[in-house]
């Protein structure tokens, strides 16, 4: 299948549908405005995915999923950096740290997340390399594309709505003078607390996304939720600066700490 073209003419959903229906084996290379993705398929199923130089190694995936501790991750980096993912997987299984199912499940989730990110790419070029697969030292998975396509289509509809609500990431944010919700009942997620800690008229939404390592969809989703809750509002950018936490806010399960954090947020808003 000689396949190459422009994402303006052929969407990610259409590409995945074609690969799925044709049971193709090979690697889809998608060159976006600032990133390049390589997604490998075997017999029409997702096998592997990576964006640029982002870590898709087994150790990195397990660390991000909190399946290994920071100490274990550092030890692997120092002592086992030269072994393949397959060898590392066997070591972890034989040592009783993880099961084969744990490893495959986390890799499947990581690669699926990359596919979901691709659904937000609407500009760029692609080509399909027949029979090209990841290096043998990487662990391949087998993920059906049907559910990924359905979820991606739903995500695209959400993306279009969020683009209408937040058309530019160059806008700045500030806390509202009169919040439209009872702040003492606020229950923010880990990601929302991270965003809140960077809200400042000197930081653009794009800068906040960069500082919190969120993609365009993730940052728009969280900002939209905070806007709808009446906690923040858009404002004109005051100068240009690198994002720096305006206050240190850390997610916690402790109820007293949560109450303290909310009170600090209330005081912060009242001081503006």
C-alpha atoms as a PDB file:
ATOM      1  CA  UNK A   1       0.000   0.000   0.000  1.00  0.00           C
ATOM      2  CA  UNK A   2       1.766   3.143  -1.209  1.00  0.00           C
ATOM      3  CA  UNK A   3       0.335   5.696   1.169  1.00  0.00           C
ATOM      4  CA  UNK A   4       1.495   9.270   1.646  1.00  0.00           C
ATOM      5  CA  UNK A   5      -0.218  12.627   1.809  1.00  0.00           C
ATOM      6  CA  UNK A   6      -1.340  15.633   3.834  1.00  0.00           C
ATOM      7  CA  UNK A   7      -3.357  15.525   7.057  1.00  0.00           C
ATOM      8  CA  UNK A   8      -5.598  18.257   5.661  1.00  0.00           C
ATOM      9  CA  UNK A   9      -6.782  15.770   3.062  1.00  0.00           C
ATOM     10  CA  UNK A  10      -6.628  12.533   5.046  1.00  0.00           C
ATOM     11  CA  UNK A  11      -7.338  12.479   8.786  1.00  0.00           C
ATOM     12  CA  UNK A  12      -5.779  10.214  11.408  1.00  0.00           C
ATOM     13  CA  UNK A  13      -9.142   8.422  11.762  1.00  0.00           C
ATOM     14  CA  UNK A  14      -9.191   7.652   8.048  1.00  0.00           C
ATOM     15  CA  UNK A  15      -5.586   6.437   8.118  1.00  0.00           C
ATOM     16  CA  UNK A  16      -6.228   4.105  11.046  1.00  0.00           C
ATOM     17  CA  UNK A  17      -9.416   2.803   9.443  1.00  0.00           C
ATOM     18  CA  UNK A  18      -7.533   1.994   6.259  1.00  0.00           C
ATOM     19  CA  UNK A  19      -4.693   0.250   8.110  1.00  0.00           C
ATOM     20  CA  UNK A  20      -7.217  -1.689  10.201  1.00  0.00           C
ATOM     21  CA  UNK A  21      -9.380  -2.843   7.289  1.00  0.00           C
ATOM     22  CA  UNK A  22      -6.371  -3.773   5.127  1.00  0.00           C
ATOM     23  CA  UNK A  23      -4.665  -5.641   8.018  1.00  0.00           C
ATOM     24  CA  UNK A  24      -1.451  -3.827   7.149  1.00  0.00           C
ATOM     25  CA  UNK A  25       1.979  -4.382   8.649  1.00  0.00           C
ATOM     26  CA  UNK A  26       4.349  -1.440   8.649  1.00  0.00           C
ATOM     27  CA  UNK A  27       5.096   1.943  10.200  1.00  0.00           C
ATOM     28  CA  UNK A  28       3.075   5.124   9.784  1.00  0.00           C
ATOM     29  CA  UNK A  29       5.297   8.217  10.002  1.00  0.00           C
ATOM     30  CA  UNK A  30       3.442  11.459  10.722  1.00  0.00           C
ATOM     31  CA  UNK A  31       5.373  14.731  10.507  1.00  0.00           C
ATOM     32  CA  UNK A  32       3.534  17.476  12.389  1.00  0.00           C
ATOM     33  CA  UNK A  33       4.512  21.162  12.606  1.00  0.00           C
ATOM     34  CA  UNK A  34       6.813  20.555  15.585  1.00  0.00           C
ATOM     35  CA  UNK A  35       6.844  16.796  16.236  1.00  0.00           C
ATOM     36  CA  UNK A  36       7.212  13.545  14.330  1.00  0.00           C
ATOM     37  CA  UNK A  37       5.410  10.358  15.295  1.00  0.00           C
ATOM     38  CA  UNK A  38       6.239   6.799  14.292  1.00  0.00           C
ATOM     39  CA  UNK A  39       3.495   4.235  14.811  1.00  0.00           C
ATOM     40  CA  UNK A  40       4.065   0.576  13.959  1.00  0.00           C
ATOM     41  CA  UNK A  41       1.331  -1.918  13.107  1.00  0.00           C
ATOM     42  CA  UNK A  42       1.301  -5.690  12.685  1.00  0.00           C
ATOM     43  CA  UNK A  43      -1.601  -7.234  10.766  1.00  0.00           C
ATOM     44  CA  UNK A  44      -3.730  -4.130  11.296  1.00  0.00           C
ATOM     45  CA  UNK A  45      -3.109  -3.925  15.058  1.00  0.00           C
ATOM     46  CA  UNK A  46      -1.127  -1.315  16.989  1.00  0.00           C
ATOM     47  CA  UNK A  47       2.309  -2.679  17.893  1.00  0.00           C
ATOM     48  CA  UNK A  48       4.445   0.299  18.932  1.00  0.00           C
ATOM     49  CA  UNK A  49       4.399   4.113  18.985  1.00  0.00           C
ATOM     50  CA  UNK A  50       6.799   6.940  19.680  1.00  0.00           C
ATOM     51  CA  UNK A  51       6.853  10.730  19.246  1.00  0.00           C
ATOM     52  CA  UNK A  52      10.240  12.312  18.548  1.00  0.00           C
ATOM     53  CA  UNK A  53      12.757  11.476  21.250  1.00  0.00           C
ATOM     54  CA  UNK A  54      10.181  11.078  24.007  1.00  0.00           C
ATOM     55  CA  UNK A  55      11.072   8.117  26.142  1.00  0.00           C
ATOM     56  CA  UNK A  56       9.132   5.047  25.100  1.00  0.00           C
ATOM     57  CA  UNK A  57      11.583   2.649  26.715  1.00  0.00           C
ATOM     58  CA  UNK A  58      10.123   0.060  29.061  1.00  0.00           C
ATOM     59  CA  UNK A  59      11.824   1.590  32.123  1.00  0.00           C
ATOM     60  CA  UNK A  60      10.453   5.046  31.335  1.00  0.00           C
ATOM     61  CA  UNK A  61       6.932   3.773  30.674  1.00  0.00           C
ATOM     62  CA  UNK A  62       6.856   1.797  33.932  1.00  0.00           C
ATOM     63  CA  UNK A  63       8.259   4.742  35.891  1.00  0.00           C
ATOM     64  CA  UNK A  64       5.656   7.170  34.514  1.00  0.00           C
ATOM     65  CA  UNK A  65       2.950   4.637  35.363  1.00  0.00           C
ATOM     66  CA  UNK A  66       4.382   4.420  38.921  1.00  0.00           C
ATOM     67  CA  UNK A  67       5.038   0.697  38.551  1.00  0.00           C
ATOM     68  CA  UNK A  68       8.655   1.155  39.595  1.00  0.00           C
ATOM     69  CA  UNK A  69       9.975   3.595  42.172  1.00  0.00           C
ATOM     70  CA  UNK A  70      12.297   6.548  41.447  1.00  0.00           C
ATOM     71  CA  UNK A  71      15.109   4.566  43.074  1.00  0.00           C
ATOM     72  CA  UNK A  72      14.463   1.523  40.899  1.00  0.00           C
ATOM     73  CA  UNK A  73      14.299   3.725  37.799  1.00  0.00           C
ATOM     74  CA  UNK A  74      17.645   5.369  38.638  1.00  0.00           C
ATOM     75  CA  UNK A  75      19.173   1.959  39.291  1.00  0.00           C
ATOM     76  CA  UNK A  76      17.984   0.672  35.914  1.00  0.00           C
ATOM     77  CA  UNK A  77      19.358   3.776  34.195  1.00  0.00           C
ATOM     78  CA  UNK A  78      22.733   3.348  35.881  1.00  0.00           C
ATOM     79  CA  UNK A  79      23.188  -0.416  35.841  1.00  0.00           C
ATOM     80  CA  UNK A  80      21.002  -1.753  33.046  1.00  0.00           C
ATOM     81  CA  UNK A  81      20.982   1.022  30.463  1.00  0.00           C
ATOM     82  CA  UNK A  82      22.673  -1.222  27.881  1.00  0.00           C
ATOM     83  CA  UNK A  83      20.203  -4.095  27.999  1.00  0.00           C
ATOM     84  CA  UNK A  84      17.171  -4.318  25.714  1.00  0.00           C
ATOM     85  CA  UNK A  85      13.570  -3.798  26.802  1.00  0.00           C
ATOM     86  CA  UNK A  86      12.925  -7.508  26.320  1.00  0.00           C
ATOM     87  CA  UNK A  87      15.837  -8.420  28.610  1.00  0.00           C
ATOM     88  CA  UNK A  88      14.727  -5.851  31.192  1.00  0.00           C
ATOM     89  CA  UNK A  89      11.196  -7.207  31.084  1.00  0.00           C
ATOM     90  CA  UNK A  90      12.431 -10.724  31.778  1.00  0.00           C
ATOM     91  CA  UNK A  91      14.597  -9.489  34.666  1.00  0.00           C
ATOM     92  CA  UNK A  92      11.657  -7.672  36.271  1.00  0.00           C
ATOM     93  CA  UNK A  93       9.377 -10.706  35.840  1.00  0.00           C
ATOM     94  CA  UNK A  94      11.943 -13.200  37.164  1.00  0.00           C
ATOM     95  CA  UNK A  95      12.701 -10.921  40.130  1.00  0.00           C
ATOM     96  CA  UNK A  96       8.998 -10.848  41.000  1.00  0.00           C
ATOM     97  CA  UNK A  97       8.626  -7.079  40.612  1.00  0.00           C
ATOM     98  CA  UNK A  98       6.040  -7.252  37.824  1.00  0.00           C
ATOM     99  CA  UNK A  99       4.087  -9.792  35.822  1.00  0.00           C
ATOM    100  CA  UNK A 100       4.101 -10.128  32.061  1.00  0.00           C
ATOM    101  CA  UNK A 101       0.533  -8.807  32.075  1.00  0.00           C
ATOM    102  CA  UNK A 102       1.630  -5.697  34.031  1.00  0.00           C
ATOM    103  CA  UNK A 103       4.315  -4.912  31.457  1.00  0.00           C
ATOM    104  CA  UNK A 104       2.116  -5.453  28.404  1.00  0.00           C
ATOM    105  CA  UNK A 105      -0.836  -3.533  29.900  1.00  0.00           C
ATOM    106  CA  UNK A 106       1.293  -0.467  30.638  1.00  0.00           C
ATOM    107  CA  UNK A 107       2.928  -0.509  27.218  1.00  0.00           C
ATOM    108  CA  UNK A 108      -0.474  -0.845  25.554  1.00  0.00           C
ATOM    109  CA  UNK A 109      -1.748   2.163  27.504  1.00  0.00           C
ATOM    110  CA  UNK A 110       1.333   4.242  26.672  1.00  0.00           C
ATOM    111  CA  UNK A 111       1.143   3.511  22.941  1.00  0.00           C
ATOM    112  CA  UNK A 112      -2.637   4.072  22.920  1.00  0.00           C
ATOM    113  CA  UNK A 113      -2.144   7.464  24.588  1.00  0.00           C
ATOM    114  CA  UNK A 114       0.209   8.452  21.776  1.00  0.00           C
ATOM    115  CA  UNK A 115      -2.439   7.493  19.219  1.00  0.00           C
ATOM    116  CA  UNK A 116      -4.961   9.678  21.044  1.00  0.00           C
ATOM    117  CA  UNK A 117      -2.541  12.610  20.866  1.00  0.00           C
ATOM    118  CA  UNK A 118      -2.311  12.143  17.106  1.00  0.00           C
ATOM    119  CA  UNK A 119      -6.040  12.757  16.718  1.00  0.00           C
ATOM    120  CA  UNK A 120      -5.418  16.414  17.588  1.00  0.00           C
ATOM    121  CA  UNK A 121      -2.909  16.762  14.741  1.00  0.00           C
ATOM    122  CA  UNK A 122      -4.673  18.464  11.845  1.00  0.00           C
ATOM    123  CA  UNK A 123      -1.619  19.728   9.960  1.00  0.00           C
ATOM    124  CA  UNK A 124       1.372  17.801   8.658  1.00  0.00           C
ATOM    125  CA  UNK A 125       2.411  15.082   6.270  1.00  0.00           C
ATOM    126  CA  UNK A 126       2.415  11.309   6.508  1.00  0.00           C
ATOM    127  CA  UNK A 127       3.747   8.244   4.755  1.00  0.00           C
ATOM    128  CA  UNK A 128       3.420   4.523   5.383  1.00  0.00           C
ATOM    129  CA  UNK A 129       6.506   2.286   5.220  1.00  0.00           C
ATOM    130  CA  UNK A 130       5.389  -1.236   4.335  1.00  0.00           C
ATOM    131  CA  UNK A 131       6.695  -4.079   6.522  1.00  0.00           C
ATOM    132  CA  UNK A 132       8.763  -1.656   8.642  1.00  0.00           C
ATOM    133  CA  UNK A 133       8.633  -2.587  12.335  1.00  0.00           C
ATOM    134  CA  UNK A 134      10.348  -1.351  15.532  1.00  0.00           C
ATOM    135  CA  UNK A 135      13.802  -2.713  16.456  1.00  0.00           C
ATOM    136  CA  UNK A 136      13.844  -6.247  17.834  1.00  0.00           C
ATOM    137  CA  UNK A 137      14.978  -4.990  21.244  1.00  0.00           C
ATOM    138  CA  UNK A 138      11.632  -3.219  21.762  1.00  0.00           C
ATOM    139  CA  UNK A 139       8.561  -4.997  23.104  1.00  0.00           C
ATOM    140  CA  UNK A 140       5.624  -5.021  20.701  1.00  0.00           C
ATOM    141  CA  UNK A 141       1.982  -5.204  21.733  1.00  0.00           C
ATOM    142  CA  UNK A 142      -1.243  -6.096  19.923  1.00  0.00           C
ATOM    143  CA  UNK A 143      -3.997  -3.501  20.333  1.00  0.00           C
ATOM    144  CA  UNK A 144      -7.180  -3.537  18.262  1.00  0.00           C
ATOM    145  CA  UNK A 145      -7.734  -0.248  16.460  1.00  0.00           C
ATOM    146  CA  UNK A 146     -11.536  -0.186  16.545  1.00  0.00           C
ATOM    147  CA  UNK A 147     -11.851   1.208  20.079  1.00  0.00           C
ATOM    148  CA  UNK A 148      -8.986   3.644  19.503  1.00  0.00           C
ATOM    149  CA  UNK A 149     -10.753   4.986  16.416  1.00  0.00           C
ATOM    150  CA  UNK A 150     -14.069   5.368  18.278  1.00  0.00           C
ATOM    151  CA  UNK A 151     -12.384   7.150  21.200  1.00  0.00           C
ATOM    152  CA  UNK A 152     -10.339   9.283  18.811  1.00  0.00           C
ATOM    153  CA  UNK A 153     -13.464  10.379  16.944  1.00  0.00           C
ATOM    154  CA  UNK A 154     -15.118  11.369  20.231  1.00  0.00           C
ATOM    155  CA  UNK A 155     -11.958  13.217  21.192  1.00  0.00           C
ATOM    156  CA  UNK A 156     -11.960  15.093  17.894  1.00  0.00           C
ATOM    157  CA  UNK A 157     -15.466  16.384  18.582  1.00  0.00           C
ATOM    158  CA  UNK A 158     -14.316  17.519  22.022  1.00  0.00           C
ATOM    159  CA  UNK A 159     -11.221  19.112  20.468  1.00  0.00           C
ATOM    160  CA  UNK A 160     -13.326  21.113  18.017  1.00  0.00           C
ATOM    161  CA  UNK A 161     -15.557  22.359  20.853  1.00  0.00           C
ATOM    162  CA  UNK A 162     -12.562  23.332  22.997  1.00  0.00           C
ATOM    163  CA  UNK A 163     -10.982  25.175  20.078  1.00  0.00           C
ATOM    164  CA  UNK A 164     -14.186  27.207  19.763  1.00  0.00           C
ATOM    165  CA  UNK A 165     -14.190  27.974  23.492  1.00  0.00           C
ATOM    166  CA  UNK A 166     -10.422  28.624  23.739  1.00  0.00           C
ATOM    167  CA  UNK A 167      -9.322  29.676  20.241  1.00  0.00           C
ATOM    168  CA  UNK A 168      -5.784  30.688  21.231  1.00  0.00           C
ATOM    169  CA  UNK A 169      -3.208  29.426  23.720  1.00  0.00           C
ATOM    170  CA  UNK A 170      -1.483  32.821  23.670  1.00  0.00           C
ATOM    171  CA  UNK A 171      -4.080  34.236  26.091  1.00  0.00           C
ATOM    172  CA  UNK A 172      -3.209  34.751  29.752  1.00  0.00           C
ATOM    173  CA  UNK A 173      -5.286  33.758  32.780  1.00  0.00           C
ATOM    174  CA  UNK A 174      -6.070  35.296  36.151  1.00  0.00           C
ATOM    175  CA  UNK A 175      -8.185  34.401  39.157  1.00  0.00           C
ATOM    176  CA  UNK A 176     -11.639  35.950  39.096  1.00  0.00           C
ATOM    177  CA  UNK A 177     -12.388  38.776  41.518  1.00  0.00           C
ATOM    178  CA  UNK A 178     -15.681  37.143  42.484  1.00  0.00           C
ATOM    179  CA  UNK A 179     -15.491  33.365  41.981  1.00  0.00           C
ATOM    180  CA  UNK A 180     -18.716  31.861  40.693  1.00  0.00           C
ATOM    181  CA  UNK A 181     -18.475  28.840  42.967  1.00  0.00           C
ATOM    182  CA  UNK A 182     -17.995  28.074  46.657  1.00  0.00           C
ATOM    183  CA  UNK A 183     -14.241  27.665  46.846  1.00  0.00           C
ATOM    184  CA  UNK A 184     -14.454  25.749  50.117  1.00  0.00           C
ATOM    185  CA  UNK A 185     -16.112  22.935  48.164  1.00  0.00           C
ATOM    186  CA  UNK A 186     -13.493  22.933  45.412  1.00  0.00           C
ATOM    187  CA  UNK A 187     -12.047  19.490  44.744  1.00  0.00           C
ATOM    188  CA  UNK A 188      -9.353  19.859  42.094  1.00  0.00           C
ATOM    189  CA  UNK A 189      -7.532  16.997  40.394  1.00  0.00           C
ATOM    190  CA  UNK A 190      -3.757  16.590  40.418  1.00  0.00           C
ATOM    191  CA  UNK A 191      -3.517  18.120  36.943  1.00  0.00           C
ATOM    192  CA  UNK A 192      -5.797  21.032  37.848  1.00  0.00           C
ATOM    193  CA  UNK A 193      -3.678  21.904  40.894  1.00  0.00           C
ATOM    194  CA  UNK A 194      -0.589  21.949  38.682  1.00  0.00           C
ATOM    195  CA  UNK A 195      -2.240  24.375  36.276  1.00  0.00           C
ATOM    196  CA  UNK A 196      -3.602  26.559  39.087  1.00  0.00           C
ATOM    197  CA  UNK A 197      -0.107  27.010  40.502  1.00  0.00           C
ATOM    198  CA  UNK A 198       1.004  28.747  37.284  1.00  0.00           C
ATOM    199  CA  UNK A 199      -1.978  31.052  36.762  1.00  0.00           C
ATOM    200  CA  UNK A 200      -0.653  34.592  36.431  1.00  0.00           C
ATOM    201  CA  UNK A 201      -1.355  37.377  33.902  1.00  0.00           C
ATOM    202  CA  UNK A 202       2.302  37.125  32.872  1.00  0.00           C
ATOM    203  CA  UNK A 203       1.968  33.485  31.773  1.00  0.00           C
ATOM    204  CA  UNK A 204       0.212  32.418  28.577  1.00  0.00           C
ATOM    205  CA  UNK A 205      -1.806  29.220  28.444  1.00  0.00           C
ATOM    206  CA  UNK A 206       0.855  27.819  26.112  1.00  0.00           C
ATOM    207  CA  UNK A 207       3.581  28.562  28.659  1.00  0.00           C
ATOM    208  CA  UNK A 208       1.549  26.857  31.365  1.00  0.00           C
ATOM    209  CA  UNK A 209       1.107  23.822  29.096  1.00  0.00           C
ATOM    210  CA  UNK A 210       4.854  23.693  28.534  1.00  0.00           C
ATOM    211  CA  UNK A 211       5.637  24.021  32.245  1.00  0.00           C
ATOM    212  CA  UNK A 212       3.170  21.275  33.189  1.00  0.00           C
ATOM    213  CA  UNK A 213       4.094  19.063  30.195  1.00  0.00           C
ATOM    214  CA  UNK A 214       0.543  18.971  28.844  1.00  0.00           C
ATOM    215  CA  UNK A 215      -0.482  18.805  25.207  1.00  0.00           C
ATOM    216  CA  UNK A 216      -2.925  21.249  23.607  1.00  0.00           C
ATOM    217  CA  UNK A 217      -5.979  19.097  24.289  1.00  0.00           C
ATOM    218  CA  UNK A 218      -5.091  18.476  27.942  1.00  0.00           C
ATOM    219  CA  UNK A 219      -4.436  22.134  28.767  1.00  0.00           C
ATOM    220  CA  UNK A 220      -7.565  23.319  26.929  1.00  0.00           C
ATOM    221  CA  UNK A 221      -9.668  20.726  28.758  1.00  0.00           C
ATOM    222  CA  UNK A 222      -8.441  21.819  32.190  1.00  0.00           C
ATOM    223  CA  UNK A 223      -8.587  25.557  31.477  1.00  0.00           C
ATOM    224  CA  UNK A 224     -12.129  25.156  30.129  1.00  0.00           C
ATOM    225  CA  UNK A 225     -13.172  23.364  33.326  1.00  0.00           C
ATOM    226  CA  UNK A 226     -11.690  26.115  35.518  1.00  0.00           C
ATOM    227  CA  UNK A 227     -13.368  28.788  33.378  1.00  0.00           C
ATOM    228  CA  UNK A 228     -16.737  27.005  33.633  1.00  0.00           C
ATOM    229  CA  UNK A 229     -16.323  26.725  37.411  1.00  0.00           C
ATOM    230  CA  UNK A 230     -15.862  30.498  37.585  1.00  0.00           C
ATOM    231  CA  UNK A 231     -12.427  30.196  39.217  1.00  0.00           C
ATOM    232  CA  UNK A 232     -10.461  31.936  36.475  1.00  0.00           C
ATOM    233  CA  UNK A 233     -10.939  34.202  33.481  1.00  0.00           C
ATOM    234  CA  UNK A 234      -8.905  35.151  30.445  1.00  0.00           C
ATOM    235  CA  UNK A 235      -6.991  38.411  30.472  1.00  0.00           C
ATOM    236  CA  UNK A 236      -4.482  40.408  28.455  1.00  0.00           C
ATOM    237  CA  UNK A 237      -0.898  39.212  28.765  1.00  0.00           C
ATOM    238  CA  UNK A 238       1.135  41.437  31.078  1.00  0.00           C
ATOM    239  CA  UNK A 239       4.652  41.396  29.653  1.00  0.00           C
ATOM    240  CA  UNK A 240       6.525  38.231  28.709  1.00  0.00           C
ATOM    241  CA  UNK A 241       8.018  35.863  31.224  1.00  0.00           C
ATOM    242  CA  UNK A 242       8.994  32.280  31.703  1.00  0.00           C
ATOM    243  CA  UNK A 243       6.397  30.461  33.769  1.00  0.00           C
ATOM    244  CA  UNK A 244       7.241  30.414  37.432  1.00  0.00           C
ATOM    245  CA  UNK A 245       4.925  29.085  40.128  1.00  0.00           C
ATOM    246  CA  UNK A 246       2.972  31.961  41.631  1.00  0.00           C
ATOM    247  CA  UNK A 247       2.392  29.764  44.622  1.00  0.00           C
ATOM    248  CA  UNK A 248       3.483  26.261  45.443  1.00  0.00           C
ATOM    249  CA  UNK A 249       0.477  23.979  45.262  1.00  0.00           C
ATOM    250  CA  UNK A 250       0.858  20.261  45.636  1.00  0.00           C
ATOM    251  CA  UNK A 251      -1.925  17.681  45.309  1.00  0.00           C
ATOM    252  CA  UNK A 252      -2.530  15.739  48.472  1.00  0.00           C
ATOM    253  CA  UNK A 253      -4.861  13.110  49.828  1.00  0.00           C
ATOM    254  CA  UNK A 254      -4.739  14.651  53.316  1.00  0.00           C
ATOM    255  CA  UNK A 255      -8.016  16.489  54.047  1.00  0.00           C
ATOM    256  CA  UNK A 256      -6.406  19.093  56.293  1.00  0.00           C
ATOM    257  CA  UNK A 257      -3.772  19.836  53.668  1.00  0.00           C
ATOM    258  CA  UNK A 258      -6.482  20.109  51.018  1.00  0.00           C
ATOM    259  CA  UNK A 259      -8.366  22.584  53.225  1.00  0.00           C
ATOM    260  CA  UNK A 260      -5.185  24.592  53.703  1.00  0.00           C
ATOM    261  CA  UNK A 261      -4.523  24.669  49.966  1.00  0.00           C
ATOM    262  CA  UNK A 262      -8.065  25.833  49.234  1.00  0.00           C
ATOM    263  CA  UNK A 263      -7.769  28.575  51.870  1.00  0.00           C
ATOM    264  CA  UNK A 264      -4.518  29.714  50.269  1.00  0.00           C
ATOM    265  CA  UNK A 265      -6.276  29.818  46.896  1.00  0.00           C
ATOM    266  CA  UNK A 266      -9.113  31.875  48.428  1.00  0.00           C
ATOM    267  CA  UNK A 267      -6.652  34.316  49.993  1.00  0.00           C
ATOM    268  CA  UNK A 268      -4.775  34.535  46.728  1.00  0.00           C
ATOM    269  CA  UNK A 269      -7.926  35.505  44.839  1.00  0.00           C
ATOM    270  CA  UNK A 270      -8.978  38.024  47.505  1.00  0.00           C
ATOM    271  CA  UNK A 271      -5.564  39.709  47.306  1.00  0.00           C
ATOM    272  CA  UNK A 272      -5.885  40.414  43.556  1.00  0.00           C
END
